Amino acid sequence: MPSAPLLAAKKRTPKAATPAPSTPVPQNGELISGELNLAAKGAIVIDAFTGETLYEKNADEPQFPASTTKIMTALLVIEAGDLDKEVEVTLDDSKVGESSMELKEGQRFTRRQMLYALMLKSANDVAHALGRDNAGSIEAFAEKMTRRAKELGATNTHFVNPNGLHDLAHYTTPRDLAKIARAAMQQPLFRQIVGTKDYVWMCDNVAHPLRNHNRLLERFPGCTGVKTGYTYPAQQVLVSAAMKNHREVIAVVMHTDKPGIWNDSMLLLDYGFEHPPVEGGANPVNATAGIPSPEAAHP
């Protein structure tokens, strides 16, 4: 179950200003105390190849994932395959609001096309359609999401929808989210999608350009993905990954602010590259060989 601070988010309260750090930050980005200067309430950076944790802050404290939920949605859809099969939009799909592609009942798109709208536009209506198509209902898909999370070692996670719209029973932790992202990044198509900056969504013969919300694709050299998220209770959330010198690291920041979403993540990615994993320190449960390089990704 979520922690008491998580449950308290049900009450809408004014956003408090992030206090300035009281300890000076040396040039390498680390505080004198040995802690990174992060605005995020929870964070982690792991080695993508071994799964080893390189740095963590409240990594097992439950938080709301917002749209980073869609990492699991995409993973399940890709694992199910048959990605060129068309999904017909239902009335219920079209009613899902906030960030959306404004789908209309009766429209048809391939699963592959929908995955781009899911991850670049962060479309909630697309997530609803993909989840329903995959499992027959949103409830059944949420159960599959939670079950798959547990299979990946993400045991402090519970999903109730495929899009991350706020619900007190919908939560995860930085550590769990990193494990989910690590599994997703082992899928070549997923890697290709989350590393795509621009995509043209075709609807009724009209082109709609989509721009990836992840600014680190432009700001951080070697960034390979993966997904942003925001709701008022969750605040800013980002899962990011980057490749450098044949190493890849995955960072997660939860309940942070702007510009913390970007600054926190870049600090963690840099830290990950500067602190290689201990030899033989791979997690034996979650380590998986053969993570493809970005160059090997294909549709």
Foldseek 3Di string as FASTA:
>chain_A
DADPVLVVLVDDDDDDDQDDDPFDADPLQAGPVRHGPFQFQWKWKAWLQQLHTLDIHQQFHKFQAFQLLLLLLLQLLVVVDPQQDKFFQAPVLQPDDDQAPNDDGGFIDGNLLLNLCCWASVHQSSQQRSQCVRQVHQQRSQVVSQVVLVLLVQPQAGDRGSRRDDDSRGIGGNSSSQSSNSVSLLALSQLQSFLDQWDWRADPNDTDITGGPPCCSPVPPFKRGDHWRDDSRWETWDWTWGDDPNIIMIMIGTSGYVVSNVVVRNSNRSSDVVGDDDVVRGDPSNRDPDRDDNVPRDD
